[in-house]
Amino acid sequence: MADINKVLQINTNTSKIEKVYKVDSAKFFNDVTSDANGDIYISDCFDNKIYKISDGEIKVWLESDFLSMPMDYYAEKMKF
């Protein structure tokens, strides 16, 4: 679950928060999706960034003005 500058990792069996990922510089976390590897992607729609949670760390994965308020996205296996 994303909330402004935090992402909560919630155990769906117990409904308990297991971990909170906080990014002080985030402007507005919005959508959350995951890929086949279990990595989590979170859009910061007011800062044109997508963050990635992998191996217990949250980092900027993609940053570009081209994104222009990223939201409503999903992860898909690359096809060549």
N, C-alpha and C. Protein backbone atom coordinates (compact mmCIF):
# COMPACT_ATOMS: atom_id res chain seq x y z
N MET A 1 0.84 -1.17 0.00
CA MET A 1 0.00 0.00 0.00
C MET A 1 0.89 1.24 0.00
N ALA A 2 0.58 2.19 -0.86
CA ALA A 2 1.35 3.43 -0.93
C ALA A 2 0.56 4.57 -0.29
N ASP A 3 1.28 5.45 0.41
CA ASP A 3 0.64 6.58 1.07
C ASP A 3 1.61 7.76 1.09
N ILE A 4 1.45 8.67 0.16
CA ILE A 4 2.24 9.90 0.01
C ILE A 4 3.74 9.61 -0.13
N ASN A 5 4.44 9.35 0.96
CA ASN A 5 5.90 9.09 0.87
C ASN A 5 6.29 7.78 1.55
N LYS A 6 5.30 6.91 1.76
CA LYS A 6 5.57 5.62 2.41
C LYS A 6 4.92 4.49 1.62
N VAL A 7 5.57 3.32 1.71
CA VAL A 7 4.99 2.10 1.19
C VAL A 7 4.94 1.12 2.36
N LEU A 8 3.77 0.55 2.59
CA LEU A 8 3.60 -0.41 3.68
C LEU A 8 3.59 -1.82 3.12
N GLN A 9 4.40 -2.67 3.71
CA GLN A 9 4.38 -4.09 3.38
C GLN A 9 3.46 -4.76 4.39
N ILE A 10 2.34 -5.29 3.91
CA ILE A 10 1.32 -5.85 4.79
C ILE A 10 1.22 -7.35 4.55
N ASN A 11 1.23 -8.11 5.62
CA ASN A 11 1.05 -9.55 5.54
C ASN A 11 -0.44 -9.80 5.32
N THR A 12 -0.79 -10.41 4.19
CA THR A 12 -2.20 -10.60 3.87
C THR A 12 -2.86 -11.69 4.71
N ASN A 13 -2.06 -12.53 5.33
CA ASN A 13 -2.63 -13.56 6.21
C ASN A 13 -2.99 -13.02 7.59
N THR A 14 -2.16 -12.11 8.10
CA THR A 14 -2.37 -11.59 9.45
C THR A 14 -2.91 -10.16 9.47
N SER A 15 -2.89 -9.49 8.31
CA SER A 15 -3.30 -8.08 8.19
C SER A 15 -2.40 -7.14 8.99
N LYS A 16 -1.21 -7.57 9.30
CA LYS A 16 -0.26 -6.75 10.06
C LYS A 16 0.78 -6.12 9.15
N ILE A 17 1.19 -4.90 9.49
CA ILE A 17 2.25 -4.22 8.76
C ILE A 17 3.58 -4.86 9.14
N GLU A 18 4.30 -5.35 8.15
CA GLU A 18 5.58 -6.00 8.41
C GLU A 18 6.76 -5.05 8.23
N LYS A 19 6.62 -4.10 7.32
CA LYS A 19 7.72 -3.17 7.07
C LYS A 19 7.16 -1.89 6.46
N VAL A 20 7.81 -0.77 6.78
CA VAL A 20 7.46 0.52 6.21
C VAL A 20 8.68 1.04 5.47
N TYR A 21 8.49 1.33 4.20
CA TYR A 21 9.54 1.94 3.38
C TYR A 21 9.18 3.42 3.25
N LYS A 22 10.07 4.30 3.71
CA LYS A 22 9.79 5.74 3.68
C LYS A 22 10.84 6.44 2.83
N VAL A 23 10.36 7.35 1.97
CA VAL A 23 11.24 8.17 1.14
C VAL A 23 10.88 9.62 1.42
N ASP A 24 11.72 10.30 2.19
CA ASP A 24 11.42 11.68 2.59
C ASP A 24 11.26 12.62 1.41
N SER A 25 11.99 12.37 0.32
CA SER A 25 11.95 13.26 -0.84
C SER A 25 10.78 12.97 -1.78
N ALA A 26 10.04 11.90 -1.55
CA ALA A 26 8.90 11.57 -2.41
C ALA A 26 7.83 12.65 -2.29
N LYS A 27 7.16 12.91 -3.41
CA LYS A 27 6.12 13.94 -3.40
C LYS A 27 4.72 13.34 -3.29
N PHE A 28 4.46 12.24 -4.02
CA PHE A 28 3.12 11.63 -3.92
C PHE A 28 3.15 10.23 -4.52
N PHE A 29 3.41 9.24 -3.66
CA PHE A 29 3.34 7.85 -4.12
C PHE A 29 1.89 7.56 -4.50
N ASN A 30 1.72 6.84 -5.60
CA ASN A 30 0.38 6.59 -6.09
C ASN A 30 0.15 5.10 -6.33
N ASP A 31 0.48 4.62 -7.51
CA ASP A 31 0.19 3.23 -7.87
C ASP A 31 1.32 2.28 -7.49
N VAL A 32 0.95 1.02 -7.26
CA VAL A 32 1.89 -0.03 -6.90
C VAL A 32 1.63 -1.24 -7.79
N THR A 33 2.70 -1.84 -8.30
CA THR A 33 2.58 -3.08 -9.06
C THR A 33 3.79 -3.95 -8.76
N SER A 34 3.73 -5.21 -9.17
CA SER A 34 4.86 -6.11 -8.96
C SER A 34 5.16 -6.87 -10.24
N ASP A 35 6.37 -7.40 -10.31
CA ASP A 35 6.74 -8.20 -11.48
C ASP A 35 6.83 -9.68 -11.10
N ALA A 36 7.18 -10.51 -12.06
CA ALA A 36 7.24 -11.95 -11.84
C ALA A 36 8.31 -12.35 -10.83
N ASN A 37 9.31 -11.48 -10.60
CA ASN A 37 10.37 -11.75 -9.63
C ASN A 37 9.98 -11.37 -8.21
N GLY A 38 8.84 -10.70 -8.06
CA GLY A 38 8.41 -10.25 -6.75
C GLY A 38 8.89 -8.85 -6.40
N ASP A 39 9.56 -8.18 -7.34
CA ASP A 39 9.97 -6.79 -7.12
C ASP A 39 8.73 -5.90 -7.20
N ILE A 40 8.73 -4.83 -6.42
CA ILE A 40 7.58 -3.93 -6.32
C ILE A 40 7.97 -2.59 -6.96
N TYR A 41 7.05 -2.01 -7.72
CA TYR A 41 7.27 -0.72 -8.37
C TYR A 41 6.21 0.25 -7.91
N ILE A 42 6.62 1.48 -7.57
CA ILE A 42 5.72 2.49 -7.03
C ILE A 42 5.93 3.79 -7.81
N SER A 43 4.84 4.36 -8.29
CA SER A 43 4.97 5.64 -9.01
C SER A 43 4.92 6.80 -8.03
N ASP A 44 5.76 7.80 -8.29
CA ASP A 44 5.68 9.09 -7.60
C ASP A 44 5.17 10.05 -8.67
N CYS A 45 3.85 10.18 -8.73
CA CYS A 45 3.24 10.86 -9.87
C CYS A 45 3.49 12.37 -9.90
N PHE A 46 3.88 12.99 -8.81
CA PHE A 46 4.18 14.42 -8.84
C PHE A 46 5.66 14.70 -9.00
N ASP A 47 6.48 13.66 -9.09
CA ASP A 47 7.93 13.87 -9.23
C ASP A 47 8.51 13.10 -10.42
N ASN A 48 7.65 12.53 -11.28
CA ASN A 48 8.08 11.86 -12.50
C ASN A 48 9.12 10.77 -12.25
N LYS A 49 8.85 9.95 -11.23
CA LYS A 49 9.77 8.87 -10.87
C LYS A 49 8.99 7.58 -10.63
N ILE A 50 9.67 6.47 -10.85
CA ILE A 50 9.18 5.17 -10.44
C ILE A 50 10.24 4.56 -9.55
N TYR A 51 9.82 4.16 -8.37
CA TYR A 51 10.72 3.53 -7.40
C TYR A 51 10.57 2.02 -7.50
N LYS A 52 11.59 1.32 -7.07
CA LYS A 52 11.57 -0.14 -7.06
C LYS A 52 12.00 -0.64 -5.68
N ILE A 53 11.23 -1.58 -5.15
CA ILE A 53 11.63 -2.27 -3.92
C ILE A 53 12.12 -3.65 -4.33
N SER A 54 13.38 -3.90 -4.02
CA SER A 54 14.00 -5.18 -4.33
C SER A 54 15.01 -5.50 -3.23
N ASP A 55 15.03 -6.73 -2.80
CA ASP A 55 15.96 -7.16 -1.74
C ASP A 55 15.86 -6.28 -0.49
N GLY A 56 14.64 -5.83 -0.17
CA GLY A 56 14.42 -5.06 1.05
C GLY A 56 14.82 -3.61 0.99
N GLU A 57 15.16 -3.09 -0.21
CA GLU A 57 15.55 -1.69 -0.35
C GLU A 57 14.68 -0.99 -1.38
N ILE A 58 14.40 0.28 -1.14
CA ILE A 58 13.65 1.09 -2.10
C ILE A 58 14.60 2.10 -2.73
N LYS A 59 14.59 2.14 -4.06
CA LYS A 59 15.47 3.05 -4.82
C LYS A 59 14.73 3.56 -6.05
N VAL A 60 15.17 4.71 -6.56
CA VAL A 60 14.63 5.22 -7.82
C VAL A 60 15.04 4.23 -8.92
N TRP A 61 14.05 3.75 -9.67
CA TRP A 61 14.29 2.82 -10.75
C TRP A 61 14.29 3.54 -12.09
N LEU A 62 13.42 4.55 -12.23
CA LEU A 62 13.31 5.31 -13.47
C LEU A 62 12.90 6.73 -13.13
N GLU A 63 13.59 7.68 -13.76
CA GLU A 63 13.28 9.09 -13.53
C GLU A 63 13.37 9.81 -14.86
N SER A 64 12.28 10.49 -15.25
CA SER A 64 12.28 11.20 -16.52
C SER A 64 11.10 12.15 -16.59
N ASP A 65 11.32 13.34 -17.15
CA ASP A 65 10.22 14.27 -17.37
C ASP A 65 9.25 13.70 -18.41
N PHE A 66 9.73 12.76 -19.23
CA PHE A 66 8.88 12.11 -20.22
C PHE A 66 7.73 11.36 -19.56
N LEU A 67 7.94 10.91 -18.32
CA LEU A 67 6.90 10.16 -17.61
C LEU A 67 5.65 11.01 -17.36
N SER A 68 5.83 12.26 -17.05
CA SER A 68 4.73 13.20 -16.85
C SER A 68 3.57 12.62 -16.04
N MET A 69 3.76 12.56 -14.74
CA MET A 69 2.76 12.07 -13.79
C MET A 69 2.42 10.59 -14.01
N PRO A 70 3.39 9.70 -13.81
CA PRO A 70 3.13 8.27 -14.04
C PRO A 70 2.09 7.70 -13.09
N MET A 71 1.12 7.00 -13.65
CA MET A 71 0.11 6.30 -12.86
C MET A 71 -0.60 5.30 -13.76
N ASP A 72 -1.30 4.37 -13.13
CA ASP A 72 -2.06 3.35 -13.85
C ASP A 72 -1.17 2.54 -14.79
N TYR A 73 -0.20 1.88 -14.26
CA TYR A 73 0.72 1.06 -15.04
C TYR A 73 0.79 -0.35 -14.45
N TYR A 74 1.41 -1.25 -15.19
CA TYR A 74 1.61 -2.61 -14.70
C TYR A 74 2.91 -3.16 -15.27
N ALA A 75 3.45 -4.17 -14.62
CA ALA A 75 4.69 -4.79 -15.07
C ALA A 75 4.35 -5.98 -15.94
N GLU A 76 5.09 -6.09 -17.05
CA GLU A 76 4.88 -7.19 -17.99
C GLU A 76 6.23 -7.70 -18.45
N LYS A 77 6.34 -8.99 -18.64
CA LYS A 77 7.58 -9.58 -19.13
C LYS A 77 7.90 -8.98 -20.50
N MET A 78 9.17 -8.59 -20.68
CA MET A 78 9.58 -7.99 -21.95
C MET A 78 9.47 -9.01 -23.06
N LYS A 79 8.98 -8.58 -24.20
CA LYS A 79 8.84 -9.43 -25.37
C LYS A 79 9.72 -8.88 -26.49
N PHE A 80 10.48 -9.77 -27.08
CA PHE A 80 11.35 -9.36 -28.19
C PHE A 80 11.00 -10.13 -29.43
